[in-house]
Amino acid sequence: FNIVDDLQKRMHVPRGGGQFSFYMTDGEDSEVTFGGYRAEHLASDIVWAPVTAQSWWQIAIDDITFNNMPKGLCNGQCQV
């Protein structure tokens, strides 16, 4: 089951619009957008990452950072 593929098949999201984005806040309404993203919600430039396991939208990361401090937990091997 892939919700983005299902939405495309039902023509709710245009073909080629297999993107989705999350906007989460503490004090306002959060949202998920299918078919792209809303530029007004961007806090920085988008960083694209290749998917390493399509069935889970899994990607590889180099490390985990808290308060801008790398924790050295992954050694470039983590999958999230």
N, C-alpha and C. Protein backbone atom coordinates (compact mmCIF):
# COMPACT_ATOMS: atom_id res chain seq x y z
N PHE A 1 0.83 -1.18 0.00
CA PHE A 1 0.00 0.00 0.00
C PHE A 1 0.87 1.24 0.00
N ASN A 2 0.62 2.13 -0.92
CA ASN A 2 1.34 3.39 -1.02
C ASN A 2 0.30 4.48 -1.23
N ILE A 3 0.10 5.34 -0.25
CA ILE A 3 -0.98 6.33 -0.33
C ILE A 3 -0.77 7.31 -1.48
N VAL A 4 0.47 7.68 -1.77
CA VAL A 4 0.73 8.61 -2.87
C VAL A 4 0.35 7.97 -4.20
N ASP A 5 0.75 6.70 -4.42
CA ASP A 5 0.37 6.00 -5.65
C ASP A 5 -1.14 5.89 -5.75
N ASP A 6 -1.81 5.58 -4.66
CA ASP A 6 -3.26 5.46 -4.65
C ASP A 6 -3.93 6.78 -5.02
N LEU A 7 -3.46 7.87 -4.46
CA LEU A 7 -4.01 9.19 -4.79
C LEU A 7 -3.79 9.54 -6.25
N GLN A 8 -2.63 9.16 -6.82
CA GLN A 8 -2.37 9.41 -8.23
C GLN A 8 -3.31 8.60 -9.11
N LYS A 9 -3.53 7.34 -8.78
CA LYS A 9 -4.43 6.48 -9.57
C LYS A 9 -5.85 7.03 -9.57
N ARG A 10 -6.26 7.62 -8.47
CA ARG A 10 -7.62 8.18 -8.38
C ARG A 10 -7.69 9.61 -8.88
N MET A 11 -6.56 10.12 -9.42
CA MET A 11 -6.48 11.45 -10.01
C MET A 11 -6.66 12.58 -9.00
N HIS A 12 -6.37 12.33 -7.73
CA HIS A 12 -6.42 13.38 -6.72
C HIS A 12 -5.10 14.14 -6.67
N VAL A 13 -4.03 13.51 -7.15
CA VAL A 13 -2.70 14.11 -7.22
C VAL A 13 -2.22 13.92 -8.65
N PRO A 14 -1.71 14.98 -9.30
CA PRO A 14 -1.27 14.83 -10.69
C PRO A 14 -0.14 13.81 -10.84
N ARG A 15 -0.11 13.13 -12.00
CA ARG A 15 0.99 12.20 -12.31
C ARG A 15 2.31 12.95 -12.21
N GLY A 16 3.31 12.29 -11.69
CA GLY A 16 4.60 12.94 -11.50
C GLY A 16 4.65 13.78 -10.24
N GLY A 17 3.53 13.86 -9.51
CA GLY A 17 3.48 14.64 -8.28
C GLY A 17 3.62 13.75 -7.08
N GLY A 18 4.55 12.80 -7.12
CA GLY A 18 4.71 11.83 -6.05
C GLY A 18 5.39 12.37 -4.82
N GLN A 19 5.44 13.67 -4.69
CA GLN A 19 6.04 14.27 -3.50
C GLN A 19 4.98 14.42 -2.42
N PHE A 20 5.43 14.43 -1.19
CA PHE A 20 4.57 14.80 -0.09
C PHE A 20 5.42 15.51 0.93
N SER A 21 4.80 16.36 1.73
CA SER A 21 5.57 17.13 2.71
C SER A 21 4.76 17.26 3.99
N PHE A 22 5.49 17.45 5.08
CA PHE A 22 4.88 17.65 6.39
C PHE A 22 5.24 19.03 6.89
N TYR A 23 4.28 19.71 7.49
CA TYR A 23 4.51 20.97 8.18
C TYR A 23 3.99 20.77 9.60
N MET A 24 4.89 20.81 10.57
CA MET A 24 4.49 20.55 11.95
C MET A 24 4.86 21.73 12.83
N THR A 25 3.95 22.11 13.70
CA THR A 25 4.20 23.21 14.62
C THR A 25 3.74 22.82 16.02
N ASP A 26 4.16 23.58 17.00
CA ASP A 26 3.69 23.37 18.36
C ASP A 26 2.40 24.14 18.64
N GLY A 27 2.29 25.34 18.06
CA GLY A 27 1.17 26.19 18.43
C GLY A 27 0.15 26.45 17.34
N GLU A 28 0.40 26.02 16.12
CA GLU A 28 -0.53 26.26 15.01
C GLU A 28 -1.00 24.94 14.44
N ASP A 29 -1.82 25.02 13.39
CA ASP A 29 -2.26 23.80 12.72
C ASP A 29 -1.12 23.20 11.92
N SER A 30 -0.90 21.91 12.07
CA SER A 30 0.08 21.18 11.27
C SER A 30 -0.64 20.62 10.05
N GLU A 31 0.12 20.21 9.03
CA GLU A 31 -0.53 19.67 7.83
C GLU A 31 0.41 18.75 7.08
N VAL A 32 -0.18 17.91 6.24
CA VAL A 32 0.56 17.12 5.27
C VAL A 32 0.04 17.55 3.90
N THR A 33 0.96 17.73 2.95
CA THR A 33 0.60 18.15 1.59
C THR A 33 1.03 17.05 0.63
N PHE A 34 0.11 16.57 -0.18
CA PHE A 34 0.41 15.56 -1.19
C PHE A 34 0.54 16.23 -2.55
N GLY A 35 1.56 15.84 -3.31
CA GLY A 35 1.75 16.40 -4.65
C GLY A 35 2.74 17.55 -4.67
N GLY A 36 3.42 17.82 -3.57
CA GLY A 36 4.40 18.91 -3.56
C GLY A 36 4.60 19.44 -2.15
N TYR A 37 4.86 20.73 -2.07
CA TYR A 37 5.07 21.38 -0.78
C TYR A 37 4.62 22.84 -0.91
N ARG A 38 4.42 23.47 0.21
CA ARG A 38 4.03 24.89 0.24
C ARG A 38 5.25 25.71 0.62
N ALA A 39 5.74 26.50 -0.33
CA ALA A 39 6.98 27.26 -0.14
C ALA A 39 6.91 28.19 1.07
N GLU A 40 5.73 28.68 1.40
CA GLU A 40 5.62 29.60 2.54
C GLU A 40 5.91 28.93 3.88
N HIS A 41 5.93 27.60 3.91
CA HIS A 41 6.23 26.87 5.14
C HIS A 41 7.72 26.49 5.27
N LEU A 42 8.53 26.78 4.26
CA LEU A 42 9.93 26.39 4.29
C LEU A 42 10.72 27.28 5.25
N ALA A 43 11.50 26.66 6.12
CA ALA A 43 12.39 27.40 7.02
C ALA A 43 13.80 27.47 6.43
N SER A 44 14.09 26.63 5.42
CA SER A 44 15.40 26.61 4.78
C SER A 44 15.23 25.99 3.39
N ASP A 45 16.33 25.89 2.67
CA ASP A 45 16.28 25.23 1.37
C ASP A 45 15.94 23.75 1.56
N ILE A 46 15.32 23.16 0.55
CA ILE A 46 15.00 21.74 0.59
C ILE A 46 16.26 20.93 0.33
N VAL A 47 16.43 19.86 1.07
CA VAL A 47 17.53 18.93 0.86
C VAL A 47 16.91 17.62 0.37
N TRP A 48 17.23 17.23 -0.87
CA TRP A 48 16.68 16.01 -1.44
C TRP A 48 17.59 14.84 -1.07
N ALA A 49 16.99 13.72 -0.69
CA ALA A 49 17.74 12.53 -0.32
C ALA A 49 17.22 11.34 -1.12
N PRO A 50 18.11 10.51 -1.67
CA PRO A 50 17.64 9.34 -2.40
C PRO A 50 17.02 8.31 -1.45
N VAL A 51 15.94 7.71 -1.90
CA VAL A 51 15.27 6.67 -1.12
C VAL A 51 16.07 5.38 -1.26
N THR A 52 16.37 4.72 -0.12
CA THR A 52 17.14 3.47 -0.17
C THR A 52 16.26 2.23 -0.09
N ALA A 53 15.02 2.37 0.37
CA ALA A 53 14.06 1.26 0.40
C ALA A 53 12.69 1.85 0.09
N GLN A 54 12.24 1.71 -1.15
CA GLN A 54 11.02 2.39 -1.59
C GLN A 54 9.77 1.97 -0.83
N SER A 55 9.71 0.74 -0.39
CA SER A 55 8.48 0.31 0.28
C SER A 55 8.27 1.04 1.60
N TRP A 56 9.34 1.60 2.16
CA TRP A 56 9.23 2.31 3.44
C TRP A 56 9.64 3.78 3.33
N TRP A 57 9.96 4.27 2.13
CA TRP A 57 10.51 5.62 1.95
C TRP A 57 11.71 5.82 2.87
N GLN A 58 12.54 4.82 2.93
CA GLN A 58 13.71 4.81 3.81
C GLN A 58 14.86 5.55 3.14
N ILE A 59 15.59 6.34 3.93
CA ILE A 59 16.77 7.04 3.43
C ILE A 59 17.95 6.79 4.36
N ALA A 60 19.15 7.02 3.85
CA ALA A 60 20.36 6.90 4.65
C ALA A 60 20.71 8.27 5.23
N ILE A 61 21.23 8.30 6.46
CA ILE A 61 21.71 9.55 7.06
C ILE A 61 23.13 9.34 7.58
N ASP A 62 23.86 10.43 7.67
CA ASP A 62 25.24 10.37 8.16
C ASP A 62 25.32 10.33 9.67
N ASP A 63 24.42 11.08 10.34
CA ASP A 63 24.48 11.18 11.79
C ASP A 63 23.19 11.80 12.31
N ILE A 64 23.04 11.80 13.60
CA ILE A 64 21.92 12.44 14.29
C ILE A 64 22.49 13.63 15.06
N THR A 65 21.79 14.77 14.97
CA THR A 65 22.26 16.00 15.59
C THR A 65 21.22 16.54 16.56
N PHE A 66 21.64 16.94 17.75
CA PHE A 66 20.79 17.62 18.72
C PHE A 66 21.42 18.96 19.04
N ASN A 67 20.61 20.03 18.96
CA ASN A 67 21.12 21.38 19.23
C ASN A 67 22.38 21.68 18.44
N ASN A 68 22.37 21.30 17.16
CA ASN A 68 23.49 21.52 16.24
C ASN A 68 24.78 20.80 16.64
N MET A 69 24.67 19.79 17.47
CA MET A 69 25.84 19.02 17.90
C MET A 69 25.72 17.58 17.38
N PRO A 70 26.56 17.18 16.41
CA PRO A 70 26.54 15.79 15.95
C PRO A 70 26.83 14.83 17.10
N LYS A 71 26.12 13.70 17.11
CA LYS A 71 26.26 12.75 18.21
C LYS A 71 27.15 11.56 17.88
N GLY A 72 27.57 11.40 16.63
CA GLY A 72 28.47 10.30 16.27
C GLY A 72 27.84 8.93 16.46
N LEU A 73 26.53 8.82 16.26
CA LEU A 73 25.84 7.56 16.50
C LEU A 73 25.77 6.66 15.28
N CYS A 74 25.97 7.22 14.10
CA CYS A 74 25.70 6.45 12.88
C CYS A 74 26.93 6.01 12.10
N ASN A 75 27.99 6.75 12.19
CA ASN A 75 29.17 6.47 11.35
C ASN A 75 28.79 6.35 9.89
N GLY A 76 27.82 7.16 9.43
CA GLY A 76 27.38 7.14 8.04
C GLY A 76 26.58 5.91 7.67
N GLN A 77 26.11 5.13 8.63
CA GLN A 77 25.45 3.85 8.37
C GLN A 77 23.98 3.80 8.71
N CYS A 78 23.39 4.86 9.25
CA CYS A 78 21.99 4.80 9.71
C CYS A 78 21.00 4.83 8.55
N GLN A 79 19.93 4.10 8.69
CA GLN A 79 18.81 4.09 7.76
C GLN A 79 17.57 4.52 8.53
N VAL A 80 16.88 5.52 8.01
CA VAL A 80 15.68 6.03 8.70
C VAL A 80 14.52 6.12 7.75
